[in-house]
Every structure is written in C-alpha cells, then in structure tokens.
C-alpha cells in the first residue's frame, strides 16, 4: 500500500510530500527524522576521500 506523509528535513527545514510504500513510510516515522536528498548528497560529497 502507498502512503503519503509530509516530512521536514532536519538540515534545511524544507517540507516535502513523501510518497512511498507504507513499510518505508513507517520506518521514516519510527526513526522520527528525515534528511532530504539534497542534504544527503551534500553530506556524502563531504565524506568522499578521493
């Protein structure tokens, strides 16, 4: 089943409509925090060691 929730990114405080399989949504809600893809990308670029 697909669920829709509104989540707020912890880093940039932007709100996003999150649509996903209910198990994924439940996992996000259980953990109680969400980082958007933009912030995730920035974070992963910071940790890359070339």
PDB file of N, CA and C in Angstrom:
ATOM      1  N   UNK A   1       0.832  -1.190   0.000  1.00  0.00           N
ATOM      2  CA  UNK A   1       0.000   0.000   0.000  1.00  0.00           C
ATOM      3  C   UNK A   1       0.881   1.262   0.000  1.00  0.00           C
ATOM      4  N   UNK A   2       0.466   2.265  -0.755  1.00  0.00           N
ATOM      5  CA  UNK A   2       1.205   3.522  -0.835  1.00  0.00           C
ATOM      6  C   UNK A   2       0.642   4.508   0.192  1.00  0.00           C
ATOM      7  N   UNK A   3       1.529   5.183   0.918  1.00  0.00           N
ATOM      8  CA  UNK A   3       1.134   6.198   1.891  1.00  0.00           C
ATOM      9  C   UNK A   3       1.757   7.528   1.505  1.00  0.00           C
ATOM     10  N   UNK A   4       1.093   8.607   1.891  1.00  0.00           N
ATOM     11  CA  UNK A   4       1.646   9.946   1.703  1.00  0.00           C
ATOM     12  C   UNK A   4       1.747  10.625   3.061  1.00  0.00           C
ATOM     13  N   UNK A   5       2.914  11.188   3.352  1.00  0.00           N
ATOM     14  CA  UNK A   5       3.083  11.987   4.568  1.00  0.00           C
ATOM     15  C   UNK A   5       3.900  13.227   4.215  1.00  0.00           C
ATOM     16  N   UNK A   6       3.803  14.237   5.048  1.00  0.00           N
ATOM     17  CA  UNK A   6       4.656  15.409   4.891  1.00  0.00           C
ATOM     18  C   UNK A   6       5.773  15.294   5.912  1.00  0.00           C
ATOM     19  N   UNK A   7       7.000  15.374   5.420  1.00  0.00           N
ATOM     20  CA  UNK A   7       8.166  15.292   6.297  1.00  0.00           C
ATOM     21  C   UNK A   7       8.952  16.589   6.191  1.00  0.00           C
ATOM     22  N   UNK A   8       9.699  16.904   7.229  1.00  0.00           N
ATOM     23  CA  UNK A   8      10.531  18.098   7.240  1.00  0.00           C
ATOM     24  C   UNK A   8      11.982  17.677   7.399  1.00  0.00           C
ATOM     25  N   UNK A   9      12.824  18.180   6.508  1.00  0.00           N
ATOM     26  CA  UNK A   9      14.245  17.861   6.569  1.00  0.00           C
ATOM     27  C   UNK A   9      14.862  18.490   7.811  1.00  0.00           C
ATOM     28  N   UNK A  10      15.667  17.704   8.530  1.00  0.00           N
ATOM     29  CA  UNK A  10      16.309  18.215   9.744  1.00  0.00           C
ATOM     30  C   UNK A  10      17.368  19.256   9.438  1.00  0.00           C
ATOM     31  N   UNK A  11      18.017  19.153   8.280  1.00  0.00           N
ATOM     32  CA  UNK A  11      19.093  20.087   7.939  1.00  0.00           C
ATOM     33  C   UNK A  11      18.572  21.419   7.438  1.00  0.00           C
ATOM     34  N   UNK A  12      17.776  21.390   6.356  1.00  0.00           N
ATOM     35  CA  UNK A  12      17.379  22.648   5.713  1.00  0.00           C
ATOM     36  C   UNK A  12      15.979  23.104   6.108  1.00  0.00           C
ATOM     37  N   UNK A  13      15.266  22.279   6.858  1.00  0.00           N
ATOM     38  CA  UNK A  13      13.921  22.597   7.369  1.00  0.00           C
ATOM     39  C   UNK A  13      12.858  22.738   6.272  1.00  0.00           C
ATOM     40  N   UNK A  14      13.177  22.275   5.050  1.00  0.00           N
ATOM     41  CA  UNK A  14      12.188  22.261   3.973  1.00  0.00           C
ATOM     42  C   UNK A  14      11.202  21.125   4.230  1.00  0.00           C
ATOM     43  N   UNK A  15       9.964  21.337   3.835  1.00  0.00           N
ATOM     44  CA  UNK A  15       8.955  20.281   3.948  1.00  0.00           C
ATOM     45  C   UNK A  15       8.758  19.625   2.591  1.00  0.00           C
ATOM     46  N   UNK A  16       8.580  18.324   2.614  1.00  0.00           N
ATOM     47  CA  UNK A  16       8.404  17.552   1.398  1.00  0.00           C
ATOM     48  C   UNK A  16       7.226  16.609   1.561  1.00  0.00           C
ATOM     49  N   UNK A  17       6.514  16.389   0.470  1.00  0.00           N
ATOM     50  CA  UNK A  17       5.486  15.358   0.465  1.00  0.00           C
ATOM     51  C   UNK A  17       6.178  14.057   0.109  1.00  0.00           C
ATOM     52  N   UNK A  18       6.108  13.117   1.004  1.00  0.00           N
ATOM     53  CA  UNK A  18       6.828  11.856   0.882  1.00  0.00           C
ATOM     54  C   UNK A  18       5.816  10.782   0.541  1.00  0.00           C
ATOM     55  N   UNK A  19       5.947  10.182  -0.618  1.00  0.00           N
ATOM     56  CA  UNK A  19       5.036   9.132  -1.055  1.00  0.00           C
ATOM     57  C   UNK A  19       5.843   7.860  -1.253  1.00  0.00           C
ATOM     58  N   UNK A  20       5.477   6.821  -0.543  1.00  0.00           N
ATOM     59  CA  UNK A  20       6.231   5.578  -0.640  1.00  0.00           C
ATOM     60  C   UNK A  20       5.396   4.410  -0.123  1.00  0.00           C
ATOM     61  N   UNK A  21       5.941   3.242  -0.292  1.00  0.00           N
ATOM     62  CA  UNK A  21       5.345   2.028   0.250  1.00  0.00           C
ATOM     63  C   UNK A  21       5.185   2.209   1.760  1.00  0.00           C
ATOM     64  N   UNK A  22       4.087   1.742   2.320  1.00  0.00           N
ATOM     65  CA  UNK A  22       3.786   2.010   3.731  1.00  0.00           C
ATOM     66  C   UNK A  22       4.896   1.549   4.672  1.00  0.00           C
ATOM     67  N   UNK A  23       5.588   0.464   4.342  1.00  0.00           N
ATOM     68  CA  UNK A  23       6.666  -0.008   5.218  1.00  0.00           C
ATOM     69  C   UNK A  23       7.803   1.006   5.284  1.00  0.00           C
ATOM     70  N   UNK A  24       8.081   1.678   4.157  1.00  0.00           N
ATOM     71  CA  UNK A  24       9.126   2.700   4.122  1.00  0.00           C
ATOM     72  C   UNK A  24       8.691   3.915   4.928  1.00  0.00           C
ATOM     73  N   UNK A  25       7.434   4.349   4.717  1.00  0.00           N
ATOM     74  CA  UNK A  25       6.890   5.485   5.466  1.00  0.00           C
ATOM     75  C   UNK A  25       6.917   5.193   6.961  1.00  0.00           C
ATOM     76  N   UNK A  26       6.507   3.998   7.351  1.00  0.00           N
ATOM     77  CA  UNK A  26       6.504   3.623   8.771  1.00  0.00           C
ATOM     78  C   UNK A  26       7.919   3.686   9.350  1.00  0.00           C
ATOM     79  N   UNK A  27       8.920   3.261   8.570  1.00  0.00           N
ATOM     80  CA  UNK A  27      10.304   3.292   9.035  1.00  0.00           C
ATOM     81  C   UNK A  27      10.753   4.736   9.270  1.00  0.00           C
ATOM     82  N   UNK A  28      10.419   5.634   8.345  1.00  0.00           N
ATOM     83  CA  UNK A  28      10.756   7.055   8.492  1.00  0.00           C
ATOM     84  C   UNK A  28      10.088   7.624   9.744  1.00  0.00           C
ATOM     85  N   UNK A  29       8.804   7.303   9.933  1.00  0.00           N
ATOM     86  CA  UNK A  29       8.071   7.804  11.091  1.00  0.00           C
ATOM     87  C   UNK A  29       8.623   7.240  12.400  1.00  0.00           C
ATOM     88  N   UNK A  30       8.993   5.962  12.400  1.00  0.00           N
ATOM     89  CA  UNK A  30       9.560   5.334  13.595  1.00  0.00           C
ATOM     90  C   UNK A  30      10.857   6.007  14.007  1.00  0.00           C
ATOM     91  N   UNK A  31      11.711   6.274  13.022  1.00  0.00           N
ATOM     92  CA  UNK A  31      13.010   6.875  13.321  1.00  0.00           C
ATOM     93  C   UNK A  31      12.854   8.337  13.727  1.00  0.00           C
ATOM     94  N   UNK A  32      11.783   8.979  13.251  1.00  0.00           N
ATOM     95  CA  UNK A  32      11.461  10.318  13.701  1.00  0.00           C
ATOM     96  C   UNK A  32      12.335  11.421  13.133  1.00  0.00           C
ATOM     97  N   UNK A  33      13.146  11.110  12.134  1.00  0.00           N
ATOM     98  CA  UNK A  33      13.932  12.160  11.498  1.00  0.00           C
ATOM     99  C   UNK A  33      14.063  11.871  10.019  1.00  0.00           C
ATOM    100  N   UNK A  34      14.266  12.929   9.256  1.00  0.00           N
ATOM    101  CA  UNK A  34      14.318  12.802   7.816  1.00  0.00           C
ATOM    102  C   UNK A  34      15.326  13.803   7.276  1.00  0.00           C
ATOM    103  N   UNK A  35      16.189  13.338   6.394  1.00  0.00           N
ATOM    104  CA  UNK A  35      17.124  14.210   5.690  1.00  0.00           C
ATOM    105  C   UNK A  35      16.789  14.113   4.206  1.00  0.00           C
ATOM    106  N   UNK A  36      16.546  15.267   3.574  1.00  0.00           N
ATOM    107  CA  UNK A  36      16.161  15.249   2.167  1.00  0.00           C
ATOM    108  C   UNK A  36      17.335  14.830   1.283  1.00  0.00           C
ATOM    109  N   UNK A  37      17.037  14.511   0.044  1.00  0.00           N
ATOM    110  CA  UNK A  37      18.061  14.015  -0.871  1.00  0.00           C
ATOM    111  C   UNK A  37      19.146  15.063  -1.135  1.00  0.00           C
ATOM    112  N   UNK A  38      18.773  16.331  -1.180  1.00  0.00           N
ATOM    113  CA  UNK A  38      19.753  17.394  -1.413  1.00  0.00           C
ATOM    114  C   UNK A  38      20.782  17.414  -0.293  1.00  0.00           C
ATOM    115  N   UNK A  39      20.301  17.368   0.944  1.00  0.00           N
ATOM    116  CA  UNK A  39      21.217  17.378   2.089  1.00  0.00           C
ATOM    117  C   UNK A  39      22.018  16.082   2.168  1.00  0.00           C
ATOM    118  N   UNK A  40      21.405  14.968   1.833  1.00  0.00           N
ATOM    119  CA  UNK A  40      22.115  13.685   1.811  1.00  0.00           C
ATOM    120  C   UNK A  40      23.256  13.734   0.809  1.00  0.00           C
ATOM    121  N   UNK A  41      22.997  14.296  -0.378  1.00  0.00           N
ATOM    122  CA  UNK A  41      24.025  14.406  -1.413  1.00  0.00           C
ATOM    123  C   UNK A  41      25.174  15.283  -0.943  1.00  0.00           C
ATOM    124  N   UNK A  42      24.846  16.410  -0.322  1.00  0.00           N
ATOM    125  CA  UNK A  42      25.881  17.305   0.188  1.00  0.00           C
ATOM    126  C   UNK A  42      26.721  16.608   1.260  1.00  0.00           C
ATOM    127  N   UNK A  43      26.045  15.845   2.112  1.00  0.00           N
ATOM    128  CA  UNK A  43      26.730  15.138   3.192  1.00  0.00           C
ATOM    129  C   UNK A  43      27.668  14.073   2.633  1.00  0.00           C
ATOM    130  N   UNK A  44      27.199  13.336   1.609  1.00  0.00           N
ATOM    131  CA  UNK A  44      28.034  12.283   1.039  1.00  0.00           C
ATOM    132  C   UNK A  44      29.216  12.870   0.274  1.00  0.00           C
ATOM    133  N   UNK A  45      29.051  14.051  -0.336  1.00  0.00           N
ATOM    134  CA  UNK A  45      30.163  14.703  -1.019  1.00  0.00           C
ATOM    135  C   UNK A  45      31.229  15.143  -0.009  1.00  0.00           C
ATOM    136  N   UNK A  46      30.800  15.564   1.168  1.00  0.00           N
ATOM    137  CA  UNK A  46      31.732  15.984   2.206  1.00  0.00           C
ATOM    138  C   UNK A  46      32.602  14.838   2.716  1.00  0.00           C
ATOM    139  N   UNK A  47      32.051  13.630   2.689  1.00  0.00           N
ATOM    140  CA  UNK A  47      32.770  12.493   3.280  1.00  0.00           C
ATOM    141  C   UNK A  47      33.578  11.697   2.265  1.00  0.00           C
ATOM    142  N   UNK A  48      33.502  12.052   0.993  1.00  0.00           N
ATOM    143  CA  UNK A  48      34.263  11.341  -0.033  1.00  0.00           C
ATOM    144  C   UNK A  48      35.752  11.650   0.108  1.00  0.00           C
ATOM    145  N   UNK A  49      36.567  10.610   0.044  1.00  0.00           N
ATOM    146  CA  UNK A  49      38.023  10.773   0.079  1.00  0.00           C
ATOM    147  C   UNK A  49      38.592  10.301  -1.241  1.00  0.00           C
ATOM    148  N   UNK A  50      38.948  11.240  -2.084  1.00  0.00           N
ATOM    149  CA  UNK A  50      39.486  10.872  -3.404  1.00  0.00           C
ATOM    150  C   UNK A  50      41.005  10.835  -3.367  1.00  0.00           C
TER     151      UNK A  50
END
